[in-house]
Amino acid sequence: MKKIENENLDTIYGGTTTISGPIINALVNVIKVLKEAGYSLGSGIRRISENSLCPLE
């Protein structure tokens, strides 16, 4: 292994530039929530248009 001099230590960059697992998981969860909200909104619009709402009494 090549030994690195102290002057060259400032030029070393580390870390990852790719998307990590927790970020992907959070994005998937946001998409799932938006999808479920869309289903609920669409179902509500359909029920209102068909006049098939449950009575409140």
PDB file of N, CA and C in Angstrom:
ATOM      1  N   MET A   1       0.842  -1.162   0.000  1.00  0.00           N
ATOM      2  CA  MET A   1       0.000   0.000   0.000  1.00  0.00           C
ATOM      3  C   MET A   1       0.894   1.234   0.000  1.00  0.00           C
ATOM      4  N   LYS A   2       0.480   2.226  -0.743  1.00  0.00           N
ATOM      5  CA  LYS A   2       1.260   3.459  -0.872  1.00  0.00           C
ATOM      6  C   LYS A   2       1.006   4.364   0.328  1.00  0.00           C
ATOM      7  N   LYS A   3       2.079   4.887   0.899  1.00  0.00           N
ATOM      8  CA  LYS A   3       1.956   5.791   2.041  1.00  0.00           C
ATOM      9  C   LYS A   3       1.613   7.195   1.540  1.00  0.00           C
ATOM     10  N   ILE A   4       0.657   7.844   2.204  1.00  0.00           N
ATOM     11  CA  ILE A   4       0.214   9.176   1.814  1.00  0.00           C
ATOM     12  C   ILE A   4       0.901  10.205   2.698  1.00  0.00           C
ATOM     13  N   GLU A   5       1.458  11.205   2.075  1.00  0.00           N
ATOM     14  CA  GLU A   5       2.131  12.282   2.801  1.00  0.00           C
ATOM     15  C   GLU A   5       1.101  13.228   3.419  1.00  0.00           C
ATOM     16  N   ASN A   6       1.492  13.963   4.438  1.00  0.00           N
ATOM     17  CA  ASN A   6       0.594  14.890   5.135  1.00  0.00           C
ATOM     18  C   ASN A   6       0.055  15.974   4.209  1.00  0.00           C
ATOM     19  N   GLU A   7       0.819  16.398   3.219  1.00  0.00           N
ATOM     20  CA  GLU A   7       0.364  17.449   2.306  1.00  0.00           C
ATOM     21  C   GLU A   7      -0.798  16.968   1.432  1.00  0.00           C
ATOM     22  N   ASN A   8      -0.858  15.684   1.160  1.00  0.00           N
ATOM     23  CA  ASN A   8      -1.887  15.131   0.275  1.00  0.00           C
ATOM     24  C   ASN A   8      -3.171  14.741   1.012  1.00  0.00           C
ATOM     25  N   LEU A   9      -3.158  14.787   2.330  1.00  0.00           N
ATOM     26  CA  LEU A   9      -4.333  14.363   3.093  1.00  0.00           C
ATOM     27  C   LEU A   9      -5.525  15.303   2.891  1.00  0.00           C
ATOM     28  N   ASP A  10      -5.276  16.554   2.533  1.00  0.00           N
ATOM     29  CA  ASP A  10      -6.369  17.508   2.315  1.00  0.00           C
ATOM     30  C   ASP A  10      -7.148  17.211   1.046  1.00  0.00           C
ATOM     31  N   THR A  11      -6.574  16.470   0.129  1.00  0.00           N
ATOM     32  CA  THR A  11      -7.237  16.213  -1.151  1.00  0.00           C
ATOM     33  C   THR A  11      -8.064  14.936  -1.143  1.00  0.00           C
ATOM     34  N   ILE A  12      -8.142  14.245  -0.013  1.00  0.00           N
ATOM     35  CA  ILE A  12      -8.898  12.991   0.063  1.00  0.00           C
ATOM     36  C   ILE A  12     -10.359  13.319   0.360  1.00  0.00           C
ATOM     37  N   TYR A  13     -11.229  12.780  -0.439  1.00  0.00           N
ATOM     38  CA  TYR A  13     -12.666  12.949  -0.250  1.00  0.00           C
ATOM     39  C   TYR A  13     -13.273  11.589   0.057  1.00  0.00           C
ATOM     40  N   GLY A  14     -14.208  11.551   0.957  1.00  0.00           N
ATOM     41  CA  GLY A  14     -14.838  10.298   1.317  1.00  0.00           C
ATOM     42  C   GLY A  14     -16.346  10.434   1.308  1.00  0.00           C
ATOM     43  N   GLY A  15     -16.998   9.342   1.572  1.00  0.00           N
ATOM     44  CA  GLY A  15     -18.451   9.348   1.610  1.00  0.00           C
ATOM     45  C   GLY A  15     -19.037   8.804   0.332  1.00  0.00           C
ATOM     46  N   THR A  16     -20.316   8.808   0.300  1.00  0.00           N
ATOM     47  CA  THR A  16     -21.010   8.248  -0.851  1.00  0.00           C
ATOM     48  C   THR A  16     -21.781   9.329  -1.579  1.00  0.00           C
ATOM     49  N   THR A  17     -21.877   9.202  -2.849  1.00  0.00           N
ATOM     50  CA  THR A  17     -22.656  10.154  -3.639  1.00  0.00           C
ATOM     51  C   THR A  17     -23.943   9.521  -4.148  1.00  0.00           C
ATOM     52  N   THR A  18     -24.171   8.272  -3.792  1.00  0.00           N
ATOM     53  CA  THR A  18     -25.384   7.603  -4.238  1.00  0.00           C
ATOM     54  C   THR A  18     -26.472   7.751  -3.186  1.00  0.00           C
ATOM     55  N   ILE A  19     -27.680   7.407  -3.550  1.00  0.00           N
ATOM     56  CA  ILE A  19     -28.808   7.489  -2.629  1.00  0.00           C
ATOM     57  C   ILE A  19     -28.773   6.271  -1.717  1.00  0.00           C
ATOM     58  N   SER A  20     -28.897   6.501  -0.431  1.00  0.00           N
ATOM     59  CA  SER A  20     -28.813   5.405   0.531  1.00  0.00           C
ATOM     60  C   SER A  20     -30.178   4.741   0.727  1.00  0.00           C
ATOM     61  N   GLY A  21     -30.159   3.609   1.394  1.00  0.00           N
ATOM     62  CA  GLY A  21     -31.368   2.830   1.635  1.00  0.00           C
ATOM     63  C   GLY A  21     -32.452   3.568   2.390  1.00  0.00           C
ATOM     64  N   PRO A  22     -32.128   4.244   3.497  1.00  0.00           N
ATOM     65  CA  PRO A  22     -33.189   4.954   4.227  1.00  0.00           C
ATOM     66  C   PRO A  22     -33.855   6.060   3.407  1.00  0.00           C
ATOM     67  N   ILE A  23     -33.107   6.708   2.536  1.00  0.00           N
ATOM     68  CA  ILE A  23     -33.699   7.750   1.694  1.00  0.00           C
ATOM     69  C   ILE A  23     -34.669   7.122   0.700  1.00  0.00           C
ATOM     70  N   ILE A  24     -34.287   6.005   0.110  1.00  0.00           N
ATOM     71  CA  ILE A  24     -35.176   5.308  -0.827  1.00  0.00           C
ATOM     72  C   ILE A  24     -36.429   4.843  -0.102  1.00  0.00           C
ATOM     73  N   ASN A  25     -36.264   4.297   1.102  1.00  0.00           N
ATOM     74  CA  ASN A  25     -37.403   3.830   1.883  1.00  0.00           C
ATOM     75  C   ASN A  25     -38.351   4.975   2.208  1.00  0.00           C
ATOM     76  N   ALA A  26     -37.824   6.132   2.566  1.00  0.00           N
ATOM     77  CA  ALA A  26     -38.669   7.291   2.868  1.00  0.00           C
ATOM     78  C   ALA A  26     -39.435   7.743   1.627  1.00  0.00           C
ATOM     79  N   LEU A  27     -38.767   7.759   0.476  1.00  0.00           N
ATOM     80  CA  LEU A  27     -39.446   8.155  -0.764  1.00  0.00           C
ATOM     81  C   LEU A  27     -40.559   7.181  -1.123  1.00  0.00           C
ATOM     82  N   VAL A  28     -40.303   5.890  -0.941  1.00  0.00           N
ATOM     83  CA  VAL A  28     -41.332   4.882  -1.230  1.00  0.00           C
ATOM     84  C   VAL A  28     -42.524   5.065  -0.301  1.00  0.00           C
ATOM     85  N   ASN A  29     -42.258   5.354   0.971  1.00  0.00           N
ATOM     86  CA  ASN A  29     -43.359   5.568   1.913  1.00  0.00           C
ATOM     87  C   ASN A  29     -44.170   6.808   1.551  1.00  0.00           C
ATOM     88  N   VAL A  30     -43.524   7.862   1.099  1.00  0.00           N
ATOM     89  CA  VAL A  30     -44.240   9.070   0.669  1.00  0.00           C
ATOM     90  C   VAL A  30     -45.110   8.750  -0.538  1.00  0.00           C
ATOM     91  N   ILE A  31     -44.584   7.989  -1.483  1.00  0.00           N
ATOM     92  CA  ILE A  31     -45.357   7.618  -2.671  1.00  0.00           C
ATOM     93  C   ILE A  31     -46.564   6.776  -2.279  1.00  0.00           C
ATOM     94  N   LYS A  32     -46.383   5.859  -1.315  1.00  0.00           N
ATOM     95  CA  LYS A  32     -47.506   5.029  -0.858  1.00  0.00           C
ATOM     96  C   LYS A  32     -48.593   5.886  -0.222  1.00  0.00           C
ATOM     97  N   VAL A  33     -48.193   6.868   0.590  1.00  0.00           N
ATOM     98  CA  VAL A  33     -49.171   7.743   1.240  1.00  0.00           C
ATOM     99  C   VAL A  33     -49.929   8.556   0.199  1.00  0.00           C
ATOM    100  N   LEU A  34     -49.227   9.085  -0.795  1.00  0.00           N
ATOM    101  CA  LEU A  34     -49.888   9.858  -1.847  1.00  0.00           C
ATOM    102  C   LEU A  34     -50.837   8.986  -2.662  1.00  0.00           C
ATOM    103  N   LYS A  35     -50.448   7.746  -2.910  1.00  0.00           N
ATOM    104  CA  LYS A  35     -51.295   6.821  -3.660  1.00  0.00           C
ATOM    105  C   LYS A  35     -52.578   6.511  -2.886  1.00  0.00           C
ATOM    106  N   GLU A  36     -52.444   6.230  -1.586  1.00  0.00           N
ATOM    107  CA  GLU A  36     -53.621   5.971  -0.763  1.00  0.00           C
ATOM    108  C   GLU A  36     -54.523   7.199  -0.672  1.00  0.00           C
ATOM    109  N   ALA A  37     -53.937   8.378  -0.587  1.00  0.00           N
ATOM    110  CA  ALA A  37     -54.739   9.602  -0.549  1.00  0.00           C
ATOM    111  C   ALA A  37     -55.490   9.781  -1.863  1.00  0.00           C
ATOM    112  N   GLY A  38     -54.852   9.438  -2.968  1.00  0.00           N
ATOM    113  CA  GLY A  38     -55.514   9.514  -4.273  1.00  0.00           C
ATOM    114  C   GLY A  38     -56.688   8.557  -4.371  1.00  0.00           C
ATOM    115  N   TYR A  39     -56.495   7.321  -3.852  1.00  0.00           N
ATOM    116  CA  TYR A  39     -57.598   6.363  -3.851  1.00  0.00           C
ATOM    117  C   TYR A  39     -58.769   6.875  -3.024  1.00  0.00           C
ATOM    118  N   SER A  40     -58.472   7.424  -1.858  1.00  0.00           N
ATOM    119  CA  SER A  40     -59.535   7.927  -0.982  1.00  0.00           C
ATOM    120  C   SER A  40     -60.254   9.109  -1.618  1.00  0.00           C
ATOM    121  N   LEU A  41     -59.503  10.012  -2.209  1.00  0.00           N
ATOM    122  CA  LEU A  41     -60.110  11.167  -2.863  1.00  0.00           C
ATOM    123  C   LEU A  41     -60.962  10.728  -4.049  1.00  0.00           C
ATOM    124  N   GLY A  42     -60.451   9.825  -4.845  1.00  0.00           N
ATOM    125  CA  GLY A  42     -61.217   9.326  -5.996  1.00  0.00           C
ATOM    126  C   GLY A  42     -62.474   8.604  -5.571  1.00  0.00           C
ATOM    127  N   SER A  43     -62.375   7.817  -4.509  1.00  0.00           N
ATOM    128  CA  SER A  43     -63.552   7.114  -4.003  1.00  0.00           C
ATOM    129  C   SER A  43     -64.593   8.105  -3.493  1.00  0.00           C
ATOM    130  N   GLY A  44     -64.141   9.142  -2.801  1.00  0.00           N
ATOM    131  CA  GLY A  44     -65.080  10.157  -2.313  1.00  0.00           C
ATOM    132  C   GLY A  44     -65.764  10.895  -3.447  1.00  0.00           C
ATOM    133  N   ILE A  45     -65.018  11.238  -4.478  1.00  0.00           N
ATOM    134  CA  ILE A  45     -65.604  11.924  -5.638  1.00  0.00           C
ATOM    135  C   ILE A  45     -66.615  11.022  -6.335  1.00  0.00           C
ATOM    136  N   ARG A  46     -66.272   9.746  -6.471  1.00  0.00           N
ATOM    137  CA  ARG A  46     -67.193   8.805  -7.125  1.00  0.00           C
ATOM    138  C   ARG A  46     -68.468   8.650  -6.314  1.00  0.00           C
ATOM    139  N   ARG A  47     -68.336   8.530  -4.992  1.00  0.00           N
ATOM    140  CA  ARG A  47     -69.529   8.356  -4.152  1.00  0.00           C
ATOM    141  C   ARG A  47     -70.409   9.596  -4.163  1.00  0.00           C
ATOM    142  N   ILE A  48     -69.794  10.776  -4.209  1.00  0.00           N
ATOM    143  CA  ILE A  48     -70.587  12.006  -4.288  1.00  0.00           C
ATOM    144  C   ILE A  48     -71.306  12.085  -5.614  1.00  0.00           C
ATOM    145  N   SER A  49     -70.617  11.748  -6.710  1.00  0.00           N
ATOM    146  CA  SER A  49     -71.238  11.850  -8.033  1.00  0.00           C
ATOM    147  C   SER A  49     -72.349  10.824  -8.221  1.00  0.00           C
ATOM    148  N   GLU A  50     -72.216   9.655  -7.586  1.00  0.00           N
ATOM    149  CA  GLU A  50     -73.264   8.621  -7.695  1.00  0.00           C
ATOM    150  C   GLU A  50     -74.342   8.779  -6.624  1.00  0.00           C
ATOM    151  N   ASN A  51     -74.167   9.760  -5.753  1.00  0.00           N
ATOM    152  CA  ASN A  51     -75.100  10.029  -4.671  1.00  0.00           C
ATOM    153  C   ASN A  51     -75.303   8.784  -3.796  1.00  0.00           C
ATOM    154  N   SER A  52     -74.221   8.108  -3.462  1.00  0.00           N
ATOM    155  CA  SER A  52     -74.305   6.923  -2.633  1.00  0.00           C
ATOM    156  C   SER A  52     -73.573   7.140  -1.297  1.00  0.00           C
ATOM    157  N   LEU A  53     -73.823   8.299  -0.677  1.00  0.00           N
ATOM    158  CA  LEU A  53     -73.224   8.585   0.611  1.00  0.00           C
ATOM    159  C   LEU A  53     -74.055   7.990   1.729  1.00  0.00           C
ATOM    160  N   CYS A  54     -73.399   7.619   2.798  1.00  0.00           N
ATOM    161  CA  CYS A  54     -74.105   7.080   3.950  1.00  0.00           C
ATOM    162  C   CYS A  54     -74.795   8.234   4.685  1.00  0.00           C
ATOM    163  N   PRO A  55     -76.024   8.015   5.163  1.00  0.00           N
ATOM    164  CA  PRO A  55     -76.713   9.079   5.896  1.00  0.00           C
ATOM    165  C   PRO A  55     -76.047   9.295   7.252  1.00  0.00           C
ATOM    166  N   LEU A  56     -76.103  10.526   7.738  1.00  0.00           N
ATOM    167  CA  LEU A  56     -75.496  10.861   9.010  1.00  0.00           C
ATOM    168  C   LEU A  56     -76.402  10.575  10.198  1.00  0.00           C
ATOM    169  N   GLU A  57     -77.665  10.227   9.961  1.00  0.00           N
ATOM    170  CA  GLU A  57     -78.616   9.962  11.053  1.00  0.00           C
ATOM    171  C   GLU A  57     -78.586   8.543  11.492  1.00  0.00           C
TER     172      GLU A  57
END
